[in-house]
């Protein structure tokens, strides 16, 4: 069960899923589904800082396997066994 979280800054908002993400997990995270102007896809986001999101995901059994920066965006890849 891989999962990626993206945040344009250290304080949020944090993108936590796409239109195919598990609705119950998105609900647990308090995520809102949105479609940004010009995009042909939907995404889930929360206003929480990434550390809050990562703590919640850890409580569900997810573990960070990698992290990188892409421009001004931070990306965490997580896995749940």
Protein backbone atom coordinates (compact mmCIF):
# COMPACT_ATOMS: atom_id res chain seq x y z
CA UNK A 1 0.00 0.00 0.00
CA UNK A 2 2.24 2.89 -1.14
CA UNK A 3 1.20 6.47 -0.39
CA UNK A 4 2.76 9.85 -1.19
CA UNK A 5 2.27 13.14 0.64
CA UNK A 6 3.22 16.47 -0.90
CA UNK A 7 3.52 19.88 0.69
CA UNK A 8 4.59 23.14 -0.91
CA UNK A 9 5.86 24.32 2.47
CA UNK A 10 6.55 23.02 5.95
CA UNK A 11 3.31 24.38 7.42
CA UNK A 12 0.76 23.00 4.91
CA UNK A 13 -1.49 22.53 3.12
CA UNK A 14 -0.53 18.91 2.48
CA UNK A 15 -1.73 16.91 -0.51
CA UNK A 16 -2.53 13.40 0.73
CA UNK A 17 -4.16 11.56 -2.15
CA UNK A 18 -5.71 11.47 -5.59
CA UNK A 19 -9.17 10.61 -6.88
CA UNK A 20 -8.44 6.87 -6.45
CA UNK A 21 -7.36 7.08 -2.79
CA UNK A 22 -9.04 5.10 -0.02
CA UNK A 23 -12.04 7.23 1.06
CA UNK A 24 -11.92 5.93 4.64
CA UNK A 25 -8.24 6.90 5.00
CA UNK A 26 -8.94 10.32 3.49
CA UNK A 27 -11.80 10.76 5.97
CA UNK A 28 -9.51 9.76 8.88
CA UNK A 29 -7.01 12.41 7.77
CA UNK A 30 -9.80 15.01 7.51
CA UNK A 31 -8.99 15.50 3.82
CA UNK A 32 -11.07 17.52 1.38
CA UNK A 33 -11.36 16.56 -2.29
CA UNK A 34 -10.71 19.36 -4.78
CA UNK A 35 -10.07 19.99 -8.46
CA UNK A 36 -7.60 22.78 -9.18
CA UNK A 37 -8.34 25.00 -12.17
CA UNK A 38 -6.64 23.59 -15.26
CA UNK A 39 -6.13 20.10 -13.81
CA UNK A 40 -8.01 17.12 -15.22
CA UNK A 41 -7.85 15.20 -11.96
CA UNK A 42 -9.01 15.48 -8.36
CA UNK A 43 -6.80 15.51 -5.28
CA UNK A 44 -7.27 15.27 -1.53
CA UNK A 45 -5.61 17.81 0.75
CA UNK A 46 -5.58 18.85 4.40
CA UNK A 47 -4.62 22.20 5.90
CA UNK A 48 -2.45 20.42 8.48
CA UNK A 49 1.33 20.65 8.45
CA UNK A 50 3.08 17.56 7.07
CA UNK A 51 4.30 16.48 10.54
CA UNK A 52 0.67 16.23 11.73
CA UNK A 53 -0.29 14.18 8.66
CA UNK A 54 2.75 11.92 9.01
CA UNK A 55 1.97 11.29 12.71
CA UNK A 56 -1.62 10.33 11.82
CA UNK A 57 -0.43 7.99 9.06
CA UNK A 58 2.10 6.40 11.43
CA UNK A 59 -0.75 5.59 13.83
CA UNK A 60 -2.38 3.67 10.93
CA UNK A 61 0.76 1.61 10.27
CA UNK A 62 2.37 3.67 7.49
CA UNK A 63 6.12 4.22 7.57
CA UNK A 64 8.19 6.78 5.65
CA UNK A 65 10.47 5.03 3.14
CA UNK A 66 11.85 8.11 1.38
CA UNK A 67 11.66 11.89 1.29
CA UNK A 68 12.86 14.44 -1.26
CA UNK A 69 12.42 18.03 -2.30
CA UNK A 70 11.18 18.98 -5.76
CA UNK A 71 11.56 22.74 -6.21
CA UNK A 72 9.65 24.29 -3.30
CA UNK A 73 7.63 21.09 -2.73
CA UNK A 74 8.45 18.38 -0.19
CA UNK A 75 7.48 14.78 -1.04
CA UNK A 76 7.24 11.84 1.38
CA UNK A 77 6.69 8.26 0.18
CA UNK A 78 5.19 5.91 2.73
CA UNK A 79 4.41 2.20 2.82
CA UNK A 80 2.04 0.07 4.86
CA UNK A 81 2.63 -3.65 5.10
